[in-house]
Protein backbone atom coordinates (compact mmCIF):
# COMPACT_ATOMS: atom_id res chain seq x y z
CA VAL A 1 0.00 0.00 0.00
CA GLN A 2 1.50 3.29 -1.08
CA GLN A 3 -1.33 5.56 0.04
CA GLY A 4 -4.57 4.95 1.94
CA TRP A 5 -7.44 7.16 3.02
CA SER A 6 -10.36 7.17 5.45
CA ALA A 7 -8.80 4.46 7.63
CA ASP A 8 -5.74 3.84 9.78
CA TRP A 9 -3.55 1.60 7.59
CA SER A 10 -0.72 -0.73 8.55
CA GLN A 11 1.23 -3.32 6.60
CA SER A 12 3.44 -6.22 7.63
CA GLY A 13 4.85 -8.07 4.63
CA SER A 14 1.91 -8.95 2.40
CA THR A 15 -0.69 -8.45 5.17
CA VAL A 16 -2.48 -5.10 5.06
CA THR A 17 -4.83 -3.98 7.84
CA ALA A 18 -7.33 -1.12 7.71
CA LYS A 19 -8.88 -0.02 11.01
CA ASN A 20 -11.49 2.67 11.50
CA ALA A 21 -10.20 6.21 11.66
CA ALA A 22 -11.01 8.29 14.73
CA TRP A 23 -13.77 10.17 12.88
CA ASN A 24 -15.59 7.08 11.48
CA GLY A 25 -15.33 4.60 14.35
CA SER A 26 -18.98 4.86 15.30
CA LEU A 27 -21.60 5.13 12.56
CA ALA A 28 -25.33 5.39 13.07
CA PRO A 29 -27.55 2.74 11.47
CA GLY A 30 -27.72 3.29 7.71
CA GLN A 31 -24.56 5.42 7.56
CA THR A 32 -21.51 4.32 5.59
CA ALA A 33 -17.83 5.14 5.36
CA ASP A 34 -15.79 4.50 2.21
CA ILE A 35 -12.10 3.63 2.38
CA GLY A 36 -9.56 3.22 -0.38
CA PHE A 37 -5.92 2.73 -1.20
CA ASN A 38 -3.33 2.91 -3.95
CA GLY A 39 -0.82 0.11 -4.14
CA SER A 40 1.77 -1.46 -6.36
CA HIS A 41 3.28 -4.89 -6.80
CA SER A 42 6.33 -6.16 -8.59
CA GLY A 43 6.94 -9.80 -9.35
CA THR A 44 4.61 -12.73 -9.81
CA ASN A 45 1.24 -12.84 -8.11
CA THR A 46 0.06 -16.37 -7.29
CA ASN A 47 -3.60 -17.32 -6.82
CA PRO A 48 -4.72 -17.13 -3.18
CA VAL A 49 -5.74 -20.37 -1.48
CA SER A 50 -8.42 -18.70 0.68
CA PHE A 51 -10.01 -15.41 1.71
CA SER A 52 -11.27 -14.27 5.09
CA LEU A 53 -13.11 -11.26 6.47
CA ASN A 54 -12.83 -10.47 10.18
CA GLY A 55 -11.49 -13.99 10.73
CA ALA A 56 -14.42 -15.70 8.95
CA LYS A 57 -13.52 -17.75 5.89
CA CYS A 58 -15.18 -16.63 2.63
CA SER A 59 -16.27 -19.07 -0.04
């Protein structure tokens, strides 16, 4: 990740984490917050073996 917005971003190796920013940590029902990032990658990108969201495996 080269640049991120609307979240507190951290990266360790290939793992990127986005946590709520101070201003969007508590949203009322029906409200939303959009986040985004710019990134780059050099080298070969292999297919992932699995995905997860908040620790729950996606299928």
